[in-house]
C-alpha atoms as a PDB file:
ATOM      1  CA  MET A   1     -34.113   9.024  -3.678  1.00  0.00           C
ATOM      2  CA  ASN A   2     -30.791  10.063  -5.235  1.00  0.00           C
ATOM      3  CA  ILE A   3     -29.116   6.757  -6.140  1.00  0.00           C
ATOM      4  CA  LYS A   4     -26.002   8.512  -7.444  1.00  0.00           C
ATOM      5  CA  LYS A   5     -24.952   9.710  -4.004  1.00  0.00           C
ATOM      6  CA  HIS A   6     -24.809   6.102  -2.748  1.00  0.00           C
ATOM      7  CA  ILE A   7     -22.662   4.725  -5.597  1.00  0.00           C
ATOM      8  CA  PRO A   8     -19.277   5.996  -4.276  1.00  0.00           C
ATOM      9  CA  ASN A   9     -20.012   4.653  -0.776  1.00  0.00           C
ATOM     10  CA  LEU A  10     -21.040   1.294  -2.230  1.00  0.00           C
ATOM     11  CA  ILE A  11     -17.727   1.112  -4.108  1.00  0.00           C
ATOM     12  CA  THR A  12     -15.908   1.991  -0.872  1.00  0.00           C
ATOM     13  CA  LEU A  13     -17.703  -0.847   0.937  1.00  0.00           C
ATOM     14  CA  LEU A  14     -16.676  -3.221  -1.864  1.00  0.00           C
ATOM     15  CA  ASN A  15     -13.081  -2.153  -1.186  1.00  0.00           C
ATOM     16  CA  LEU A  16     -13.616  -3.123   2.463  1.00  0.00           C
ATOM     17  CA  PHE A  17     -15.154  -6.442   1.375  1.00  0.00           C
ATOM     18  CA  CYS A  18     -12.058  -7.176  -0.722  1.00  0.00           C
ATOM     19  CA  GLY A  19      -9.917  -6.507   2.335  1.00  0.00           C
ATOM     20  CA  CYS A  20     -11.975  -8.952   4.402  1.00  0.00           C
ATOM     21  CA  ILE A  21     -11.593 -11.641   1.738  1.00  0.00           C
ATOM     22  CA  ALA A  22      -7.846 -10.956   1.578  1.00  0.00           C
ATOM     23  CA  LEU A  23      -7.612 -11.544   5.338  1.00  0.00           C
ATOM     24  CA  VAL A  24      -9.197 -14.968   4.923  1.00  0.00           C
ATOM     25  CA  PHE A  25      -6.705 -15.872   2.191  1.00  0.00           C
ATOM     26  CA  VAL A  26      -3.788 -14.728   4.374  1.00  0.00           C
ATOM     27  CA  SER A  27      -5.058 -16.988   7.167  1.00  0.00           C
ATOM     28  CA  LYS A  28      -4.977 -19.856   4.636  1.00  0.00           C
ATOM     29  CA  LEU A  29      -1.422 -18.832   3.590  1.00  0.00           C
ATOM     30  CA  ASP A  30      -2.701 -18.119   0.089  1.00  0.00           C
ATOM     31  CA  PHE A  31      -0.723 -14.908  -0.298  1.00  0.00           C
ATOM     32  CA  GLU A  32      -1.205 -14.667  -4.045  1.00  0.00           C
ATOM     33  CA  MET A  33      -5.007 -14.500  -3.829  1.00  0.00           C
ATOM     34  CA  ALA A  34      -4.676 -12.070  -0.904  1.00  0.00           C
ATOM     35  CA  PHE A  35      -2.454  -9.888  -3.115  1.00  0.00           C
ATOM     36  CA  TYR A  36      -4.992  -9.896  -5.950  1.00  0.00           C
ATOM     37  CA  PHE A  37      -7.899  -8.980  -3.665  1.00  0.00           C
ATOM     38  CA  VAL A  38      -5.899  -6.132  -2.139  1.00  0.00           C
ATOM     39  CA  CYS A  39      -5.134  -4.944  -5.695  1.00  0.00           C
ATOM     40  CA  LEU A  40      -8.865  -5.070  -6.460  1.00  0.00           C
ATOM     41  CA  GLY A  41      -9.607  -3.151  -3.264  1.00  0.00           C
ATOM     42  CA  ILE A  42      -7.067  -0.468  -4.193  1.00  0.00           C
ATOM     43  CA  PHE A  43      -8.596  -0.268  -7.678  1.00  0.00           C
ATOM     44  CA  LEU A  44     -12.030   0.287  -6.122  1.00  0.00           C
ATOM     45  CA  ASP A  45     -10.518   2.813  -3.706  1.00  0.00           C
ATOM     46  CA  PHE A  46      -9.470   4.916  -6.699  1.00  0.00           C
ATOM     47  CA  PHE A  47     -12.884   4.772  -8.316  1.00  0.00           C
ATOM     48  CA  ASP A  48     -14.958   5.700  -5.261  1.00  0.00           C
ATOM     49  CA  GLY A  49     -13.325   9.117  -5.270  1.00  0.00           C
ATOM     50  CA  PHE A  50     -13.578   9.313  -9.065  1.00  0.00           C
ATOM     51  CA  PHE A  51     -17.343   8.739  -9.014  1.00  0.00           C
ATOM     52  CA  ALA A  52     -17.823  11.047  -6.025  1.00  0.00           C
ATOM     53  CA  ARG A  53     -16.233  13.844  -8.028  1.00  0.00           C
ATOM     54  CA  LEU A  54     -18.048  12.845 -11.227  1.00  0.00           C
ATOM     55  CA  PHE A  55     -21.481  12.887  -9.569  1.00  0.00           C
ATOM     56  CA  LYS A  56     -20.539  15.809  -7.284  1.00  0.00           C
ATOM     57  CA  VAL A  57     -21.625  13.881  -4.206  1.00  0.00           C
ATOM     58  CA  SER A  58     -18.493  14.089  -2.054  1.00  0.00           C
ATOM     59  CA  SER A  59     -19.389  14.033   1.626  1.00  0.00           C
ATOM     60  CA  PRO A  60     -17.805  13.783   5.101  1.00  0.00           C
ATOM     61  CA  LEU A  61     -19.381  10.317   5.413  1.00  0.00           C
ATOM     62  CA  GLY A  62     -17.635   9.191   2.231  1.00  0.00           C
ATOM     63  CA  LEU A  63     -14.309  10.501   3.538  1.00  0.00           C
ATOM     64  CA  GLN A  64     -14.647   8.545   6.785  1.00  0.00           C
ATOM     65  CA  LEU A  65     -15.828   5.385   5.013  1.00  0.00           C
ATOM     66  CA  ASP A  66     -12.865   5.592   2.667  1.00  0.00           C
ATOM     67  CA  SER A  67     -10.365   5.689   5.527  1.00  0.00           C
ATOM     68  CA  LEU A  68     -12.118   2.899   7.429  1.00  0.00           C
ATOM     69  CA  ALA A  69     -12.137   0.651   4.348  1.00  0.00           C
ATOM     70  CA  ASP A  70      -8.464   1.447   3.661  1.00  0.00           C
ATOM     71  CA  MET A  71      -7.668   0.614   7.272  1.00  0.00           C
ATOM     72  CA  VAL A  72      -8.615  -2.999   6.581  1.00  0.00           C
ATOM     73  CA  THR A  73      -7.421  -3.427   2.989  1.00  0.00           C
ATOM     74  CA  SER A  74      -4.215  -1.405   3.290  1.00  0.00           C
ATOM     75  CA  GLY A  75      -3.643  -1.553   7.041  1.00  0.00           C
ATOM     76  CA  VAL A  76      -4.799  -4.754   8.718  1.00  0.00           C
ATOM     77  CA  VAL A  77      -4.016  -7.040   5.761  1.00  0.00           C
ATOM     78  CA  PRO A  78      -0.329  -6.026   5.360  1.00  0.00           C
ATOM     79  CA  GLY A  79       0.136  -6.149   9.129  1.00  0.00           C
ATOM     80  CA  TYR A  80      -1.276  -9.675   9.177  1.00  0.00           C
ATOM     81  CA  VAL A  81       0.976 -10.686   6.281  1.00  0.00           C
ATOM     82  CA  MET A  82       4.028  -9.388   8.143  1.00  0.00           C
ATOM     83  CA  PHE A  83       2.875 -11.278  11.236  1.00  0.00           C
ATOM     84  CA  MET A  84       2.619 -14.502   9.215  1.00  0.00           C
ATOM     85  CA  LEU A  85       6.079 -13.971   7.703  1.00  0.00           C
ATOM     86  CA  LEU A  86       7.599 -13.385  11.140  1.00  0.00           C
ATOM     87  CA  VAL A  87       5.854 -16.237  12.931  1.00  0.00           C
ATOM     88  CA  GLY A  88       6.792 -18.881  10.343  1.00  0.00           C
ATOM     89  CA  ASP A  89       6.279 -22.347  11.811  1.00  0.00           C
ATOM     90  CA  ASN A  90       6.479 -21.128  15.411  1.00  0.00           C
ATOM     91  CA  ASP A  91       3.654 -21.057  17.931  1.00  0.00           C
ATOM     92  CA  PRO A  92       2.701 -17.358  18.050  1.00  0.00           C
ATOM     93  CA  PHE A  93       2.418 -17.557  21.849  1.00  0.00           C
ATOM     94  CA  SER A  94       5.831 -19.135  22.342  1.00  0.00           C
ATOM     95  CA  PRO A  95       8.725 -16.831  23.395  1.00  0.00           C
ATOM     96  CA  GLN A  96      10.172 -16.972  19.873  1.00  0.00           C
ATOM     97  CA  GLY A  97       6.816 -16.678  18.115  1.00  0.00           C
ATOM     98  CA  MET A  98       5.605 -13.653  20.104  1.00  0.00           C
ATOM     99  CA  VAL A  99       8.078 -11.458  18.212  1.00  0.00           C
ATOM    100  CA  ALA A 100       5.762 -11.884  15.220  1.00  0.00           C
ATOM    101  CA  PHE A 101       3.158  -9.617  16.843  1.00  0.00           C
ATOM    102  CA  LEU A 102       5.528  -6.730  16.138  1.00  0.00           C
ATOM    103  CA  GLY A 103       4.506  -7.173  12.497  1.00  0.00           C
ATOM    104  CA  PHE A 104       1.305  -5.334  13.377  1.00  0.00           C
ATOM    105  CA  ILE A 105       3.384  -2.168  13.760  1.00  0.00           C
ATOM    106  CA  VAL A 106       2.621  -1.889  10.043  1.00  0.00           C
ATOM    107  CA  THR A 107      -1.084  -1.721  10.939  1.00  0.00           C
ATOM    108  CA  LEU A 108      -0.496   0.872  13.660  1.00  0.00           C
ATOM    109  CA  GLY A 109       1.556   3.029  11.289  1.00  0.00           C
ATOM    110  CA  SER A 110      -1.154   2.723   8.626  1.00  0.00           C
ATOM    111  CA  CYS A 111      -3.864   3.738  11.105  1.00  0.00           C
ATOM    112  CA  TYR A 112      -1.968   6.856  12.152  1.00  0.00           C
ATOM    113  CA  ARG A 113      -1.268   7.707   8.514  1.00  0.00           C
ATOM    114  CA  LEU A 114      -4.939   7.423   7.498  1.00  0.00           C
ATOM    115  CA  ALA A 115      -6.149   9.501  10.452  1.00  0.00           C
ATOM    116  CA  ASN A 116      -3.553  12.180   9.784  1.00  0.00           C
ATOM    117  CA  PHE A 117      -4.334  12.216   6.054  1.00  0.00           C
ATOM    118  CA  ASN A 118      -7.937  13.223   6.765  1.00  0.00           C
ATOM    119  CA  ILE A 119      -6.883  16.398   8.560  1.00  0.00           C
ATOM    120  CA  ASP A 120      -3.761  17.278   6.540  1.00  0.00           C
ATOM    121  CA  THR A 121      -4.743  19.920   3.976  1.00  0.00           C
ATOM    122  CA  ARG A 122      -1.324  19.726   2.280  1.00  0.00           C
ATOM    123  CA  GLN A 123      -2.043  16.386   0.603  1.00  0.00           C
ATOM    124  CA  THR A 124      -4.682  17.331  -1.938  1.00  0.00           C
ATOM    125  CA  ASP A 125      -2.557  16.990  -5.109  1.00  0.00           C
ATOM    126  CA  SER A 126       0.433  15.015  -3.853  1.00  0.00           C
ATOM    127  CA  PHE A 127       1.441  12.925  -0.848  1.00  0.00           C
ATOM    128  CA  ILE A 128       3.576  13.469   2.222  1.00  0.00           C
ATOM    129  CA  GLY A 129       4.744  10.055   3.332  1.00  0.00           C
ATOM    130  CA  LEU A 130       4.035   6.810   1.507  1.00  0.00           C
ATOM    131  CA  PRO A 131       0.311   6.180   0.835  1.00  0.00           C
ATOM    132  CA  THR A 132      -1.071   3.099   2.608  1.00  0.00           C
ATOM    133  CA  PRO A 133      -2.054   1.289  -0.651  1.00  0.00           C
ATOM    134  CA  ALA A 134       1.526   1.524  -1.931  1.00  0.00           C
ATOM    135  CA  ASN A 135       2.859   0.249   1.379  1.00  0.00           C
ATOM    136  CA  ALA A 136       0.331  -2.604   1.362  1.00  0.00           C
ATOM    137  CA  LEU A 137       1.432  -3.701  -2.110  1.00  0.00           C
ATOM    138  CA  PHE A 138       5.065  -3.638  -0.992  1.00  0.00           C
ATOM    139  CA  ILE A 139       4.379  -5.823   2.071  1.00  0.00           C
ATOM    140  CA  LEU A 140       2.093  -8.239   0.198  1.00  0.00           C
ATOM    141  CA  SER A 141       4.677  -8.714  -2.541  1.00  0.00           C
ATOM    142  CA  MET A 142       7.199 -10.100  -0.052  1.00  0.00           C
ATOM    143  CA  PRO A 143       5.788 -13.639   0.468  1.00  0.00           C
ATOM    144  CA  LEU A 144       5.288 -13.881  -3.311  1.00  0.00           C
ATOM    145  CA  ILE A 145       8.917 -12.892  -3.892  1.00  0.00           C
ATOM    146  CA  LEU A 146       9.932 -15.575  -1.390  1.00  0.00           C
ATOM    147  CA  SER A 147       7.949 -18.216  -3.276  1.00  0.00           C
ATOM    148  CA  THR A 148       9.422 -17.050  -6.596  1.00  0.00           C
ATOM    149  CA  TYR A 149      13.023 -17.062  -5.377  1.00  0.00           C
ATOM    150  CA  GLU A 150      13.164 -20.267  -3.333  1.00  0.00           C
ATOM    151  CA  SER A 151      16.917 -19.964  -2.797  1.00  0.00           C
ATOM    152  CA  GLY A 152      19.679 -17.411  -3.125  1.00  0.00           C
ATOM    153  CA  PHE A 153      20.358 -13.984  -1.635  1.00  0.00           C
ATOM    154  CA  ILE A 154      16.839 -12.548  -1.991  1.00  0.00           C
ATOM    155  CA  HIS A 155      15.257 -15.561  -0.266  1.00  0.00           C
ATOM    156  CA  GLN A 156      17.793 -15.478   2.569  1.00  0.00           C
ATOM    157  CA  LEU A 157      17.266 -11.752   2.999  1.00  0.00           C
ATOM    158  CA  LEU A 158      13.472 -11.896   3.232  1.00  0.00           C
ATOM    159  CA  SER A 159      13.596 -15.013   5.421  1.00  0.00           C
ATOM    160  CA  ASN A 160      15.673 -13.249   8.063  1.00  0.00           C
ATOM    161  CA  GLN A 161      13.559 -12.240  11.057  1.00  0.00           C
ATOM    162  CA  TRP A 162      15.725  -9.193  11.791  1.00  0.00           C
ATOM    163  CA  VAL A 163      15.404  -7.977   8.210  1.00  0.00           C
ATOM    164  CA  LEU A 164      11.624  -8.384   8.400  1.00  0.00           C
ATOM    165  CA  LEU A 165      11.501  -6.439  11.672  1.00  0.00           C
ATOM    166  CA  GLY A 166      13.632  -3.729  10.060  1.00  0.00           C
ATOM    167  CA  ILE A 167      11.248  -3.541   7.090  1.00  0.00           C
ATOM    168  CA  THR A 168       8.322  -3.328   9.533  1.00  0.00           C
ATOM    169  CA  ILE A 169       9.804  -0.347  11.376  1.00  0.00           C
ATOM    170  CA  ILE A 170      10.902   1.418   8.177  1.00  0.00           C
ATOM    171  CA  SER A 171       7.444   0.810   6.699  1.00  0.00           C
ATOM    172  CA  ALA A 172       5.693   2.480   9.643  1.00  0.00           C
ATOM    173  CA  TYR A 173       8.172   5.364   9.486  1.00  0.00           C
ATOM    174  CA  ILE A 174       7.898   5.969   5.722  1.00  0.00           C
ATOM    175  CA  LEU A 175       4.095   6.021   5.982  1.00  0.00           C
ATOM    176  CA  ASN A 176       4.258   8.995   8.320  1.00  0.00           C
ATOM    177  CA  ALA A 177       7.548  10.669   7.381  1.00  0.00           C
ATOM    178  CA  GLU A 178       7.597  14.284   6.220  1.00  0.00           C
ATOM    179  CA  ILE A 179       8.761  13.205   2.771  1.00  0.00           C
ATOM    180  CA  PRO A 180       6.895  14.813  -0.139  1.00  0.00           C
ATOM    181  CA  LEU A 181       6.179  12.278  -2.899  1.00  0.00           C
ATOM    182  CA  PHE A 182       5.399  13.462  -6.397  1.00  0.00           C
ATOM    183  CA  SER A 183       1.848  13.049  -7.657  1.00  0.00           C
ATOM    184  CA  LEU A 184       1.078  10.346 -10.214  1.00  0.00           C
ATOM    185  CA  LYS A 185      -1.951  12.245 -11.497  1.00  0.00           C
ATOM    186  CA  ILE A 186      -1.784  13.289 -15.162  1.00  0.00           C
ATOM    187  CA  LYS A 187      -3.718  16.551 -15.401  1.00  0.00           C
ATOM    188  CA  LYS A 188      -2.766  17.685 -18.910  1.00  0.00           C
ATOM    189  CA  PHE A 189      -2.418  15.328 -21.842  1.00  0.00           C
ATOM    190  CA  ASN A 190       1.047  16.369 -22.991  1.00  0.00           C
ATOM    191  CA  PHE A 191       4.517  14.974 -22.329  1.00  0.00           C
ATOM    192  CA  LYS A 192       6.137  18.222 -21.199  1.00  0.00           C
ATOM    193  CA  ASP A 193       3.896  18.728 -18.165  1.00  0.00           C
ATOM    194  CA  ASN A 194       3.864  15.034 -17.236  1.00  0.00           C
ATOM    195  CA  ALA A 195       7.349  13.846 -18.203  1.00  0.00           C
ATOM    196  CA  LEU A 196       8.213  12.576 -14.723  1.00  0.00           C
ATOM    197  CA  GLN A 197       4.929  10.698 -14.278  1.00  0.00           C
ATOM    198  CA  ILE A 198       5.019   9.158 -17.764  1.00  0.00           C
ATOM    199  CA  ILE A 199       8.648   8.017 -17.459  1.00  0.00           C
ATOM    200  CA  PHE A 200       7.962   6.580 -14.014  1.00  0.00           C
ATOM    201  CA  LEU A 201       4.881   4.682 -15.227  1.00  0.00           C
ATOM    202  CA  LEU A 202       6.744   3.288 -18.256  1.00  0.00           C
ATOM    203  CA  LEU A 203       9.660   2.129 -16.090  1.00  0.00           C
ATOM    204  CA  SER A 204       7.169   0.620 -13.630  1.00  0.00           C
ATOM    205  CA  LEU A 205       5.556  -1.338 -16.457  1.00  0.00           C
ATOM    206  CA  LEU A 206       8.974  -2.678 -17.507  1.00  0.00           C
ATOM    207  CA  LEU A 207       9.780  -3.689 -13.927  1.00  0.00           C
ATOM    208  CA  LEU A 208       6.486  -5.595 -13.684  1.00  0.00           C
ATOM    209  CA  ILE A 209       7.067  -7.352 -17.011  1.00  0.00           C
ATOM    210  CA  PHE A 210      10.617  -8.450 -16.235  1.00  0.00           C
ATOM    211  CA  PHE A 211      10.490  -8.997 -12.467  1.00  0.00           C
ATOM    212  CA  SER A 212       6.815  -9.792 -11.690  1.00  0.00           C
ATOM    213  CA  PHE A 213       6.200  -9.574  -7.927  1.00  0.00           C
ATOM    214  CA  LEU A 214       9.759  -8.408  -7.233  1.00  0.00           C
ATOM    215  CA  GLY A 215       8.960  -5.590  -9.657  1.00  0.00           C
ATOM    216  CA  VAL A 216       6.142  -4.429  -7.355  1.00  0.00           C
ATOM    217  CA  ALA A 217       8.558  -3.953  -4.455  1.00  0.00           C
ATOM    218  CA  LEU A 218      11.140  -2.295  -6.722  1.00  0.00           C
ATOM    219  CA  ILE A 219       8.526   0.160  -8.034  1.00  0.00           C
ATOM    220  CA  ILE A 220       7.615   1.310  -4.505  1.00  0.00           C
ATOM    221  CA  ILE A 221      11.289   1.699  -3.543  1.00  0.00           C
ATOM    222  CA  PHE A 222      11.993   3.529  -6.807  1.00  0.00           C
ATOM    223  CA  TYR A 223       9.026   5.856  -6.212  1.00  0.00           C
ATOM    224  CA  VAL A 224      10.293   6.885  -2.772  1.00  0.00           C
ATOM    225  CA  LEU A 225      13.936   7.293  -3.865  1.00  0.00           C
ATOM    226  CA  LEU A 226      12.988   9.260  -6.979  1.00  0.00           C
ATOM    227  CA  SER A 227      10.793  11.580  -4.894  1.00  0.00           C
ATOM    228  CA  VAL A 228      13.651  12.163  -2.426  1.00  0.00           C
ATOM    229  CA  ALA A 229      16.022  12.878  -5.334  1.00  0.00           C
ATOM    230  CA  MET A 230      13.541  15.314  -6.913  1.00  0.00           C
ATOM    231  CA  ASN A 231      13.068  17.102  -3.567  1.00  0.00           C
ATOM    232  CA  THR A 232      16.841  17.462  -3.169  1.00  0.00           C
ATOM    233  CA  ILE A 233      17.220  18.872  -6.696  1.00  0.00           C
ATOM    234  CA  GLN A 234      14.376  21.365  -6.185  1.00  0.00           C
ATOM    235  CA  LYS A 235      15.878  22.591  -2.895  1.00  0.00           C
ATOM    236  CA  LYS A 236      19.198  23.239  -4.629  1.00  0.00           C
END
């Protein structure tokens, strides 16, 4: 029995397990613990592919498992978080509360993105559209930003139902938009070939240090805008 071939799939299932735990924490309105378990799931999601390549045991089963696990951790969880933000103190089955179900558009967009990713041969070294883990981190940072900024412009903005619905729609669009995003992979250990990635990672670290959970959202926005800017420059 080749144990090595099962290690990547086990790591993938642990990613799924983290997503399940995150869902429980969201139901308890413990968004911080949900955020940390999604982060752990994303961390495991990186290493399942790493070990599959290391042990040379990549398989179609592993590819499908990976997408199914991501569907929960980076698809269902952020959709549920958006639902909880939209529903607030309302009865979800009241006329006002039923709007909150539109938060699951995030989940639908994530599902389409993951299915399309499996058959899109253009996304081997870089991404087209925002990856679901990045989108999940953006959505899960929102309730934590709200709890950090209990008053002021940022709190009012993220407390507005129309703003949240707008973020939901934009989120689903960005996941599947034909927008090339630069790769964060560092293939050669020198600054010249990885200047963009290194500068981005250093700025991201500074944003996390100074802005905490708000920094997470700013990093994702910065990543998309920088990619769009780089695409525009390259076209010219």
